[in-house]
PDB file of all heavy atoms in Angstrom:
ATOM      1  N   PRO A   1      -2.204  24.618  14.827  1.00  0.00           N
ATOM      2  CA  PRO A   1      -3.297  23.679  15.333  1.00  0.00           C
ATOM      3  C   PRO A   1      -4.155  23.242  14.119  1.00  0.00           C
ATOM      4  O   PRO A   1      -4.801  22.328  14.257  1.00  0.00           O
ATOM      5  CB  PRO A   1      -4.162  24.436  16.307  1.00  0.00           C
ATOM      6  CG  PRO A   1      -3.918  25.847  15.961  1.00  0.00           C
ATOM      7  CD  PRO A   1      -2.570  25.981  15.446  1.00  0.00           C
ATOM      8  N   ARG A   2      -3.926  23.850  12.937  1.00  0.00           N
ATOM      9  CA  ARG A   2      -4.593  23.426  11.713  1.00  0.00           C
ATOM     10  C   ARG A   2      -4.025  22.148  11.101  1.00  0.00           C
ATOM     11  O   ARG A   2      -2.916  21.877  11.468  1.00  0.00           O
ATOM     12  CB  ARG A   2      -4.948  24.558  10.867  1.00  0.00           C
ATOM     13  CG  ARG A   2      -5.709  25.779  11.399  1.00  0.00           C
ATOM     14  CD  ARG A   2      -5.603  26.915  10.628  1.00  0.00           C
ATOM     15  NE  ARG A   2      -4.202  27.432  10.443  1.00  0.00           N
ATOM     16  CZ  ARG A   2      -3.848  28.501   9.768  1.00  0.00           C
ATOM     17  NH1 ARG A   2      -4.774  29.148   9.050  1.00  0.00           N
ATOM     18  NH2 ARG A   2      -2.599  28.878   9.807  1.00  0.00           N
ATOM     19  N   ARG A   3      -4.409  21.773   9.991  1.00  0.00           N
ATOM     20  CA  ARG A   3      -3.882  20.758   9.133  1.00  0.00           C
ATOM     21  C   ARG A   3      -3.568  19.547   9.966  1.00  0.00           C
ATOM     22  O   ARG A   3      -2.382  18.831   9.678  1.00  0.00           O
ATOM     23  CB  ARG A   3      -2.663  21.308   8.377  1.00  0.00           C
ATOM     24  CG  ARG A   3      -2.922  22.430   7.491  1.00  0.00           C
ATOM     25  CD  ARG A   3      -1.680  22.937   6.927  1.00  0.00           C
ATOM     26  NE  ARG A   3      -1.853  24.037   5.928  1.00  0.00           N
ATOM     27  CZ  ARG A   3      -0.897  24.714   5.244  1.00  0.00           C
ATOM     28  NH1 ARG A   3       0.301  24.326   5.449  1.00  0.00           N
ATOM     29  NH2 ARG A   3      -1.363  25.518   4.297  1.00  0.00           N
ATOM     30  N   VAL A   4      -4.412  19.121  10.907  1.00  0.00           N
ATOM     31  CA  VAL A   4      -4.102  17.986  11.628  1.00  0.00           C
ATOM     32  C   VAL A   4      -4.005  16.728  10.770  1.00  0.00           C
ATOM     33  O   VAL A   4      -3.141  15.768  10.978  1.00  0.00           O
ATOM     34  CB  VAL A   4      -5.230  17.810  12.695  1.00  0.00           C
ATOM     35  CG1 VAL A   4      -5.134  16.554  13.321  1.00  0.00           C
ATOM     36  CG2 VAL A   4      -5.119  18.916  13.777  1.00  0.00           C
ATOM     37  N   TRP A   5      -4.928  16.479   9.800  1.00  0.00           N
ATOM     38  CA  TRP A   5      -4.960  15.437   9.016  1.00  0.00           C
ATOM     39  C   TRP A   5      -3.822  15.317   8.052  1.00  0.00           C
ATOM     40  O   TRP A   5      -3.086  14.260   7.989  1.00  0.00           O
ATOM     41  CB  TRP A   5      -6.264  15.351   8.096  1.00  0.00           C
ATOM     42  CG  TRP A   5      -7.460  14.964   8.856  1.00  0.00           C
ATOM     43  CD1 TRP A   5      -8.473  15.815   9.477  1.00  0.00           C
ATOM     44  CD2 TRP A   5      -7.847  13.665   9.251  1.00  0.00           C
ATOM     45  NE1 TRP A   5      -9.365  15.206  10.104  1.00  0.00           N
ATOM     46  CE2 TRP A   5      -9.056  13.800   9.989  1.00  0.00           C
ATOM     47  CE3 TRP A   5      -7.325  12.359   8.948  1.00  0.00           C
ATOM     48  CZ2 TRP A   5      -9.725  12.660  10.463  1.00  0.00           C
ATOM     49  CZ3 TRP A   5      -8.082  11.366   9.461  1.00  0.00           C
ATOM     50  CH2 TRP A   5      -9.219  11.425  10.184  1.00  0.00           C
ATOM     51  N   ARG A   6      -3.349  16.393   7.505  1.00  0.00           N
ATOM     52  CA  ARG A   6      -2.227  16.439   6.668  1.00  0.00           C
ATOM     53  C   ARG A   6      -0.964  16.037   7.416  1.00  0.00           C
ATOM     54  O   ARG A   6      -0.117  15.228   6.957  1.00  0.00           O
ATOM     55  CB  ARG A   6      -2.094  17.874   5.983  1.00  0.00           C
ATOM     56  CG  ARG A   6      -0.914  17.919   5.014  1.00  0.00           C
ATOM     57  CD  ARG A   6      -0.826  19.310   4.426  1.00  0.00           C
ATOM     58  NE  ARG A   6       0.341  19.552   3.653  1.00  0.00           N
ATOM     59  CZ  ARG A   6       0.736  20.654   3.123  1.00  0.00           C
ATOM     60  NH1 ARG A   6       0.021  21.752   3.209  1.00  0.00           N
ATOM     61  NH2 ARG A   6       1.879  20.657   2.494  1.00  0.00           N
ATOM     62  N   HIS A   7      -0.720  16.880   8.496  1.00  0.00           N
ATOM     63  CA  HIS A   7       0.518  16.625   9.230  1.00  0.00           C
ATOM     64  C   HIS A   7       0.448  15.211   9.905  1.00  0.00           C
ATOM     65  O   HIS A   7       1.505  14.598   9.946  1.00  0.00           O
ATOM     66  CB  HIS A   7       0.627  17.597  10.376  1.00  0.00           C
ATOM     67  CG  HIS A   7       0.962  19.028   9.798  1.00  0.00           C
ATOM     68  ND1 HIS A   7       0.687  20.226  10.510  1.00  0.00           N
ATOM     69  CD2 HIS A   7       1.465  19.427   8.667  1.00  0.00           C
ATOM     70  CE1 HIS A   7       0.914  21.188   9.790  1.00  0.00           C
ATOM     71  NE2 HIS A   7       1.452  20.743   8.672  1.00  0.00           N
ATOM     72  N   GLY A   8      -0.673  14.731  10.317  1.00  0.00           N
ATOM     73  CA  GLY A   8      -0.718  13.421  10.889  1.00  0.00           C
ATOM     74  C   GLY A   8      -0.435  12.338   9.807  1.00  0.00           C
ATOM     75  O   GLY A   8       0.198  11.319  10.139  1.00  0.00           O
ATOM     76  N   THR A   9      -0.866  12.489   8.606  1.00  0.00           N
ATOM     77  CA  THR A   9      -0.622  11.509   7.664  1.00  0.00           C
ATOM     78  C   THR A   9       0.841  11.529   7.281  1.00  0.00           C
ATOM     79  O   THR A   9       1.540  10.363   7.154  1.00  0.00           O
ATOM     80  CB  THR A   9      -1.418  11.899   6.353  1.00  0.00           C
ATOM     81  OG1 THR A   9      -2.868  11.797   6.601  1.00  0.00           O
ATOM     82  CG2 THR A   9      -1.193  10.887   5.099  1.00  0.00           C
ATOM     83  N   LEU A  10       1.423  12.530   7.157  1.00  0.00           N
ATOM     84  CA  LEU A  10       2.945  12.680   6.893  1.00  0.00           C
ATOM     85  C   LEU A  10       3.672  12.032   8.097  1.00  0.00           C
ATOM     86  O   LEU A  10       4.647  11.276   7.832  1.00  0.00           O
ATOM     87  CB  LEU A  10       3.378  14.164   6.655  1.00  0.00           C
ATOM     88  CG  LEU A  10       3.094  14.797   5.415  1.00  0.00           C
ATOM     89  CD1 LEU A  10       3.340  16.301   5.430  1.00  0.00           C
ATOM     90  CD2 LEU A  10       3.614  14.166   4.166  1.00  0.00           C
ATOM     91  N   LEU A  11       3.217  12.371   9.355  1.00  0.00           N
ATOM     92  CA  LEU A  11       3.856  11.789  10.404  1.00  0.00           C
ATOM     93  C   LEU A  11       3.775  10.095  10.400  1.00  0.00           C
ATOM     94  O   LEU A  11       4.816   9.536  10.574  1.00  0.00           O
ATOM     95  CB  LEU A  11       3.257  12.204  11.699  1.00  0.00           C
ATOM     96  CG  LEU A  11       3.601  11.594  13.031  1.00  0.00           C
ATOM     97  CD1 LEU A  11       5.100  12.052  13.387  1.00  0.00           C
ATOM     98  CD2 LEU A  11       2.774  12.141  14.132  1.00  0.00           C
ATOM     99  N   GLY A  12       2.687   9.649  10.148  1.00  0.00           N
ATOM    100  CA  GLY A  12       2.624   8.191  10.066  1.00  0.00           C
ATOM    101  C   GLY A  12       3.431   7.647   8.915  1.00  0.00           C
ATOM    102  O   GLY A  12       4.137   6.609   9.180  1.00  0.00           O
ATOM    103  N   LEU A  13       3.573   8.278   7.727  1.00  0.00           N
ATOM    104  CA  LEU A  13       4.499   7.780   6.693  1.00  0.00           C
ATOM    105  C   LEU A  13       5.926   7.831   7.146  1.00  0.00           C
ATOM    106  O   LEU A  13       6.570   6.878   6.901  1.00  0.00           O
ATOM    107  CB  LEU A  13       4.311   8.581   5.463  1.00  0.00           C
ATOM    108  CG  LEU A  13       2.942   8.434   4.630  1.00  0.00           C
ATOM    109  CD1 LEU A  13       2.667   9.493   3.561  1.00  0.00           C
ATOM    110  CD2 LEU A  13       2.703   6.994   4.312  1.00  0.00           C
ATOM    111  N   LEU A  14       6.300   8.952   7.764  1.00  0.00           N
ATOM    112  CA  LEU A  14       7.709   9.033   8.207  1.00  0.00           C
ATOM    113  C   LEU A  14       8.091   8.053   9.343  1.00  0.00           C
ATOM    114  O   LEU A  14       9.204   7.622   9.374  1.00  0.00           O
ATOM    115  CB  LEU A  14       7.937  10.515   8.647  1.00  0.00           C
ATOM    116  CG  LEU A  14       7.920  11.515   7.594  1.00  0.00           C
ATOM    117  CD1 LEU A  14       8.161  12.966   8.004  1.00  0.00           C
ATOM    118  CD2 LEU A  14       9.087  11.228   6.587  1.00  0.00           C
ATOM    119  N   VAL A  15       7.236   7.834  10.206  1.00  0.00           N
ATOM    120  CA  VAL A  15       7.419   6.877  11.416  1.00  0.00           C
ATOM    121  C   VAL A  15       7.653   5.484  10.672  1.00  0.00           C
ATOM    122  O   VAL A  15       8.425   4.682  11.009  1.00  0.00           O
ATOM    123  CB  VAL A  15       6.271   6.903  12.370  1.00  0.00           C
ATOM    124  CG1 VAL A  15       6.278   5.662  13.163  1.00  0.00           C
ATOM    125  CG2 VAL A  15       6.304   8.149  13.130  1.00  0.00           C
ATOM    126  N   ALA A  16       6.651   5.123   9.637  1.00  0.00           N
ATOM    127  CA  ALA A  16       6.863   3.859   9.039  1.00  0.00           C
ATOM    128  C   ALA A  16       8.184   3.683   8.352  1.00  0.00           C
ATOM    129  O   ALA A  16       8.800   2.698   8.509  1.00  0.00           O
ATOM    130  CB  ALA A  16       5.778   3.682   8.065  1.00  0.00           C
ATOM    131  N   TYR A  17       8.617   4.740   7.686  1.00  0.00           N
ATOM    132  CA  TYR A  17       9.915   4.791   7.061  1.00  0.00           C
ATOM    133  C   TYR A  17      11.103   4.589   8.086  1.00  0.00           C
ATOM    134  O   TYR A  17      12.035   3.921   7.839  1.00  0.00           O
ATOM    135  CB  TYR A  17      10.126   6.072   6.234  1.00  0.00           C
ATOM    136  CG  TYR A  17      11.181   5.876   5.275  1.00  0.00           C
ATOM    137  CD1 TYR A  17      11.086   5.308   3.966  1.00  0.00           C
ATOM    138  CD2 TYR A  17      12.457   6.337   5.405  1.00  0.00           C
ATOM    139  CE1 TYR A  17      12.077   5.142   2.959  1.00  0.00           C
ATOM    140  CE2 TYR A  17      13.562   6.207   4.517  1.00  0.00           C
ATOM    141  CZ  TYR A  17      13.347   5.622   3.281  1.00  0.00           C
ATOM    142  OH  TYR A  17      14.312   5.499   2.519  1.00  0.00           O
ATOM    143  N   GLN A  18      10.945   5.403   9.214  1.00  0.00           N
ATOM    144  CA  GLN A  18      11.960   5.257  10.244  1.00  0.00           C
ATOM    145  C   GLN A  18      12.183   3.850  10.717  1.00  0.00           C
ATOM    146  O   GLN A  18      13.295   3.463  11.104  1.00  0.00           O
ATOM    147  CB  GLN A  18      11.758   6.288  11.415  1.00  0.00           C
ATOM    148  CG  GLN A  18      12.652   6.337  12.439  1.00  0.00           C
ATOM    149  CD  GLN A  18      14.100   6.717  12.011  1.00  0.00           C
ATOM    150  OE1 GLN A  18      14.250   7.730  11.455  1.00  0.00           O
ATOM    151  NE2 GLN A  18      15.032   5.801  12.430  1.00  0.00           N
ATOM    152  N   LEU A  19      11.219   3.173  10.811  1.00  0.00           N
ATOM    153  CA  LEU A  19      11.170   1.708  11.242  1.00  0.00           C
ATOM    154  C   LEU A  19      12.072   0.957  10.427  1.00  0.00           C
ATOM    155  O   LEU A  19      12.852   0.013  10.841  1.00  0.00           O
ATOM    156  CB  LEU A  19       9.730   1.098  11.331  1.00  0.00           C
ATOM    157  CG  LEU A  19       9.739  -0.267  12.001  1.00  0.00           C
ATOM    158  CD1 LEU A  19       9.548  -0.082  13.444  1.00  0.00           C
ATOM    159  CD2 LEU A  19       8.641  -1.135  11.335  1.00  0.00           C
ATOM    160  N   PHE A  20      12.123   1.293   9.030  1.00  0.00           N
ATOM    161  CA  PHE A  20      12.986   0.531   8.196  1.00  0.00           C
ATOM    162  C   PHE A  20      14.414   1.158   8.098  1.00  0.00           C
ATOM    163  O   PHE A  20      15.243   0.605   7.417  1.00  0.00           O
ATOM    164  CB  PHE A  20      12.472   0.542   6.763  1.00  0.00           C
ATOM    165  CG  PHE A  20      11.081  -0.296   6.780  1.00  0.00           C
ATOM    166  CD1 PHE A  20       9.865   0.282   6.679  1.00  0.00           C
ATOM    167  CD2 PHE A  20      11.180  -1.680   6.772  1.00  0.00           C
ATOM    168  CE1 PHE A  20       8.716  -0.510   6.573  1.00  0.00           C
ATOM    169  CE2 PHE A  20      10.064  -2.512   6.779  1.00  0.00           C
ATOM    170  CZ  PHE A  20       8.814  -1.862   6.706  1.00  0.00           C
ATOM    171  N   LEU A  21      14.571   2.213   8.814  1.00  0.00           N
ATOM    172  CA  LEU A  21      15.991   2.756   9.031  1.00  0.00           C
ATOM    173  C   LEU A  21      16.658   2.181  10.294  1.00  0.00           C
ATOM    174  O   LEU A  21      17.724   1.766  10.181  1.00  0.00           O
ATOM    175  CB  LEU A  21      15.958   4.261   9.029  1.00  0.00           C
ATOM    176  CG  LEU A  21      15.621   5.014   7.819  1.00  0.00           C
ATOM    177  CD1 LEU A  21      15.468   6.605   8.110  1.00  0.00           C
ATOM    178  CD2 LEU A  21      16.769   4.741   6.699  1.00  0.00           C
ATOM    179  N   GLY A  22      15.883   2.249  11.260  1.00  0.00           N
ATOM    180  CA  GLY A  22      16.300   1.734  12.537  1.00  0.00           C
ATOM    181  C   GLY A  22      15.207   1.866  13.610  1.00  0.00           C
ATOM    182  O   GLY A  22      14.773   2.889  13.989  1.00  0.00           O
ATOM    183  N   GLU A  23      14.946   0.678  14.047  1.00  0.00           N
ATOM    184  CA  GLU A  23      13.861   0.684  15.150  1.00  0.00           C
ATOM    185  C   GLU A  23      14.295   1.200  16.411  1.00  0.00           C
ATOM    186  O   GLU A  23      13.543   1.681  17.173  1.00  0.00           O
ATOM    187  CB  GLU A  23      13.446  -0.859  15.436  1.00  0.00           C
ATOM    188  CG  GLU A  23      12.749  -1.453  14.141  1.00  0.00           C
ATOM    189  CD  GLU A  23      12.212  -2.921  14.377  1.00  0.00           C
ATOM    190  OE1 GLU A  23      11.834  -3.245  15.561  1.00  0.00           O
ATOM    191  OE2 GLU A  23      12.249  -3.698  13.418  1.00  0.00           O
ATOM    192  N   GLU A  24      15.570   1.016  16.699  1.00  0.00           N
ATOM    193  CA  GLU A  24      16.042   1.446  18.010  1.00  0.00           C
ATOM    194  C   GLU A  24      16.017   3.049  18.185  1.00  0.00           C
ATOM    195  O   GLU A  24      15.643   3.568  19.302  1.00  0.00           O
ATOM    196  CB  GLU A  24      17.523   0.967  18.322  1.00  0.00           C
ATOM    197  CG  GLU A  24      17.958   1.146  19.704  1.00  0.00           C
ATOM    198  CD  GLU A  24      19.237   0.460  20.137  1.00  0.00           C
ATOM    199  OE1 GLU A  24      19.676  -0.345  19.159  1.00  0.00           O
ATOM    200  OE2 GLU A  24      19.797   0.585  21.102  1.00  0.00           O
ATOM    201  N   VAL A  25      16.336   3.651  17.019  1.00  0.00           N
ATOM    202  CA  VAL A  25      16.223   5.088  17.020  1.00  0.00           C
ATOM    203  C   VAL A  25      14.788   5.546  17.185  1.00  0.00           C
ATOM    204  O   VAL A  25      14.496   6.534  17.839  1.00  0.00           O
ATOM    205  CB  VAL A  25      16.791   5.682  15.589  1.00  0.00           C
ATOM    206  CG1 VAL A  25      16.385   7.092  15.438  1.00  0.00           C
ATOM    207  CG2 VAL A  25      18.265   5.547  15.643  1.00  0.00           C
ATOM    208  N   LEU A  26      13.833   4.683  16.538  1.00  0.00           N
ATOM    209  CA  LEU A  26      12.419   5.088  16.621  1.00  0.00           C
ATOM    210  C   LEU A  26      11.977   4.930  18.164  1.00  0.00           C
ATOM    211  O   LEU A  26      11.171   5.853  18.656  1.00  0.00           O
ATOM    212  CB  LEU A  26      11.649   4.183  15.728  1.00  0.00           C
ATOM    213  CG  LEU A  26      10.056   4.459  15.745  1.00  0.00           C
ATOM    214  CD1 LEU A  26       9.820   6.003  15.167  1.00  0.00           C
ATOM    215  CD2 LEU A  26       9.432   3.573  14.764  1.00  0.00           C
ATOM    216  N   VAL A  27      12.467   4.004  18.840  1.00  0.00           N
ATOM    217  CA  VAL A  27      12.013   3.725  20.234  1.00  0.00           C
ATOM    218  C   VAL A  27      12.538   4.903  21.038  1.00  0.00           C
ATOM    219  O   VAL A  27      11.787   5.467  21.851  1.00  0.00           O
ATOM    220  CB  VAL A  27      12.607   2.387  20.683  1.00  0.00           C
ATOM    221  CG1 VAL A  27      12.384   2.329  22.216  1.00  0.00           C
ATOM    222  CG2 VAL A  27      11.861   1.235  20.083  1.00  0.00           C
ATOM    223  N   PHE A  28      13.867   5.314  20.836  1.00  0.00           N
ATOM    224  CA  PHE A  28      14.384   6.436  21.554  1.00  0.00           C
ATOM    225  C   PHE A  28      13.672   7.672  21.299  1.00  0.00           C
ATOM    226  O   PHE A  28      13.496   8.510  22.123  1.00  0.00           O
ATOM    227  CB  PHE A  28      15.980   6.500  21.174  1.00  0.00           C
ATOM    228  CG  PHE A  28      16.883   5.620  21.946  1.00  0.00           C
ATOM    229  CD1 PHE A  28      16.331   4.359  22.436  1.00  0.00           C
ATOM    230  CD2 PHE A  28      18.129   5.982  22.150  1.00  0.00           C
ATOM    231  CE1 PHE A  28      17.149   3.539  23.127  1.00  0.00           C
ATOM    232  CE2 PHE A  28      18.911   5.076  22.945  1.00  0.00           C
ATOM    233  CZ  PHE A  28      18.457   3.894  23.298  1.00  0.00           C
ATOM    234  N   LEU A  29      13.299   7.843  19.968  1.00  0.00           N
ATOM    235  CA  LEU A  29      12.615   9.027  19.655  1.00  0.00           C
ATOM    236  C   LEU A  29      11.226   9.145  20.322  1.00  0.00           C
ATOM    237  O   LEU A  29      10.885  10.177  20.855  1.00  0.00           O
ATOM    238  CB  LEU A  29      12.289   8.987  18.097  1.00  0.00           C
ATOM    239  CG  LEU A  29      11.392  10.117  17.485  1.00  0.00           C
ATOM    240  CD1 LEU A  29      11.893  11.458  17.787  1.00  0.00           C
ATOM    241  CD2 LEU A  29      11.311   9.909  16.058  1.00  0.00           C
ATOM    242  N   VAL A  30      10.515   8.043  20.395  1.00  0.00           N
ATOM    243  CA  VAL A  30       9.212   8.062  21.063  1.00  0.00           C
ATOM    244  C   VAL A  30       9.453   8.415  22.620  1.00  0.00           C
ATOM    245  O   VAL A  30       8.703   9.185  23.070  1.00  0.00           O
ATOM    246  CB  VAL A  30       8.482   6.708  20.997  1.00  0.00           C
ATOM    247  CG1 VAL A  30       7.342   6.614  21.870  1.00  0.00           C
ATOM    248  CG2 VAL A  30       8.138   6.419  19.537  1.00  0.00           C
ATOM    249  N   LEU A  31      10.362   7.716  23.168  1.00  0.00           N
ATOM    250  CA  LEU A  31      10.649   7.930  24.644  1.00  0.00           C
ATOM    251  C   LEU A  31      11.018   9.478  24.894  1.00  0.00           C
ATOM    252  O   LEU A  31      10.551  10.203  25.710  1.00  0.00           O
ATOM    253  CB  LEU A  31      11.774   6.823  25.139  1.00  0.00           C
ATOM    254  CG  LEU A  31      11.400   5.482  25.126  1.00  0.00           C
ATOM    255  CD1 LEU A  31      12.623   4.697  25.521  1.00  0.00           C
ATOM    256  CD2 LEU A  31      10.243   5.270  26.124  1.00  0.00           C
ATOM    257  N   ALA A  32      12.015   9.998  23.986  1.00  0.00           N
ATOM    258  CA  ALA A  32      12.491  11.321  24.258  1.00  0.00           C
ATOM    259  C   ALA A  32      11.352  12.277  23.957  1.00  0.00           C
ATOM    260  O   ALA A  32      11.293  13.257  24.724  1.00  0.00           O
ATOM    261  CB  ALA A  32      13.756  11.510  23.349  1.00  0.00           C
ATOM    262  N   ALA A  33      10.603  12.209  22.883  1.00  0.00           N
ATOM    263  CA  ALA A  33       9.553  13.079  22.596  1.00  0.00           C
ATOM    264  C   ALA A  33       8.572  13.069  23.656  1.00  0.00           C
ATOM    265  O   ALA A  33       8.003  14.155  24.067  1.00  0.00           O
ATOM    266  CB  ALA A  33       8.981  12.700  21.250  1.00  0.00           C
ATOM    267  N   GLY A  34       8.160  11.895  24.331  1.00  0.00           N
ATOM    268  CA  GLY A  34       7.265  11.835  25.298  1.00  0.00           C
ATOM    269  C   GLY A  34       7.763  12.552  26.589  1.00  0.00           C
ATOM    270  O   GLY A  34       7.102  13.302  27.259  1.00  0.00           O
ATOM    271  N   THR A  35       9.101  12.264  26.934  1.00  0.00           N
ATOM    272  CA  THR A  35       9.607  13.003  28.087  1.00  0.00           C
ATOM    273  C   THR A  35       9.703  14.512  27.910  1.00  0.00           C
ATOM    274  O   THR A  35       9.316  15.234  28.784  1.00  0.00           O
ATOM    275  CB  THR A  35      11.080  12.477  28.149  1.00  0.00           C
ATOM    276  OG1 THR A  35      11.111  11.090  28.487  1.00  0.00           O
ATOM    277  CG2 THR A  35      11.739  13.194  29.416  1.00  0.00           C
ATOM    278  N   PHE A  36      10.081  15.057  26.675  1.00  0.00           N
ATOM    279  CA  PHE A  36      10.120  16.307  26.448  1.00  0.00           C
ATOM    280  C   PHE A  36       8.699  17.040  26.456  1.00  0.00           C
ATOM    281  O   PHE A  36       8.503  18.160  27.048  1.00  0.00           O
ATOM    282  CB  PHE A  36      10.633  16.706  25.019  1.00  0.00           C
ATOM    283  CG  PHE A  36      10.488  17.993  24.548  1.00  0.00           C
ATOM    284  CD1 PHE A  36      11.440  18.978  25.027  1.00  0.00           C
ATOM    285  CD2 PHE A  36       9.626  18.556  23.671  1.00  0.00           C
ATOM    286  CE1 PHE A  36      11.459  20.327  24.725  1.00  0.00           C
ATOM    287  CE2 PHE A  36       9.281  19.820  23.281  1.00  0.00           C
ATOM    288  CZ  PHE A  36      10.294  20.693  23.814  1.00  0.00           C
ATOM    289  N   ALA A  37       7.550  16.390  26.044  1.00  0.00           N
ATOM    290  CA  ALA A  37       6.269  16.853  26.023  1.00  0.00           C
ATOM    291  C   ALA A  37       5.773  17.067  27.406  1.00  0.00           C
ATOM    292  O   ALA A  37       5.282  18.028  27.810  1.00  0.00           O
ATOM    293  CB  ALA A  37       5.374  15.907  25.204  1.00  0.00           C
ATOM    294  N   LEU A  38       6.145  15.977  28.309  1.00  0.00           N
ATOM    295  CA  LEU A  38       5.748  16.110  29.713  1.00  0.00           C
ATOM    296  C   LEU A  38       6.452  17.329  30.419  1.00  0.00           C
ATOM    297  O   LEU A  38       5.815  18.050  31.208  1.00  0.00           O
ATOM    298  CB  LEU A  38       5.926  14.755  30.380  1.00  0.00           C
ATOM    299  CG  LEU A  38       5.016  13.708  29.884  1.00  0.00           C
ATOM    300  CD1 LEU A  38       5.507  12.335  30.604  1.00  0.00           C
ATOM    301  CD2 LEU A  38       3.573  13.931  30.178  1.00  0.00           C
ATOM    302  N   ALA A  39       7.685  17.265  30.081  1.00  0.00           N
ATOM    303  CA  ALA A  39       8.457  18.356  30.739  1.00  0.00           C
ATOM    304  C   ALA A  39       8.071  19.762  30.379  1.00  0.00           C
ATOM    305  O   ALA A  39       7.971  20.628  31.060  1.00  0.00           O
ATOM    306  CB  ALA A  39       9.981  18.201  30.445  1.00  0.00           C
ATOM    307  N   TYR A  40       7.837  19.950  28.979  1.00  0.00           N
ATOM    308  CA  TYR A  40       7.155  21.239  28.566  1.00  0.00           C
ATOM    309  C   TYR A  40       5.910  21.503  29.192  1.00  0.00           C
ATOM    310  O   TYR A  40       5.641  22.719  29.518  1.00  0.00           O
ATOM    311  CB  TYR A  40       7.132  21.191  27.083  1.00  0.00           C
ATOM    312  CG  TYR A  40       6.910  22.633  26.474  1.00  0.00           C
ATOM    313  CD1 TYR A  40       8.063  23.401  26.119  1.00  0.00           C
ATOM    314  CD2 TYR A  40       5.699  23.241  26.272  1.00  0.00           C
ATOM    315  CE1 TYR A  40       7.842  24.587  25.589  1.00  0.00           C
ATOM    316  CE2 TYR A  40       5.441  24.384  25.814  1.00  0.00           C
ATOM    317  CZ  TYR A  40       6.585  25.152  25.421  1.00  0.00           C
ATOM    318  OH  TYR A  40       6.431  26.476  24.970  1.00  0.00           O
TER     319      TYR A  40
END
């Protein structure tokens, strides 16, 4: 639960990079991660 800022910053940079790899993968990732989080 610590290092929220550090992990969040890295997360934002990687998400931005993933957009330039493939937007469709990023959309699926968001949907799948949200589904998993709710199920967990």
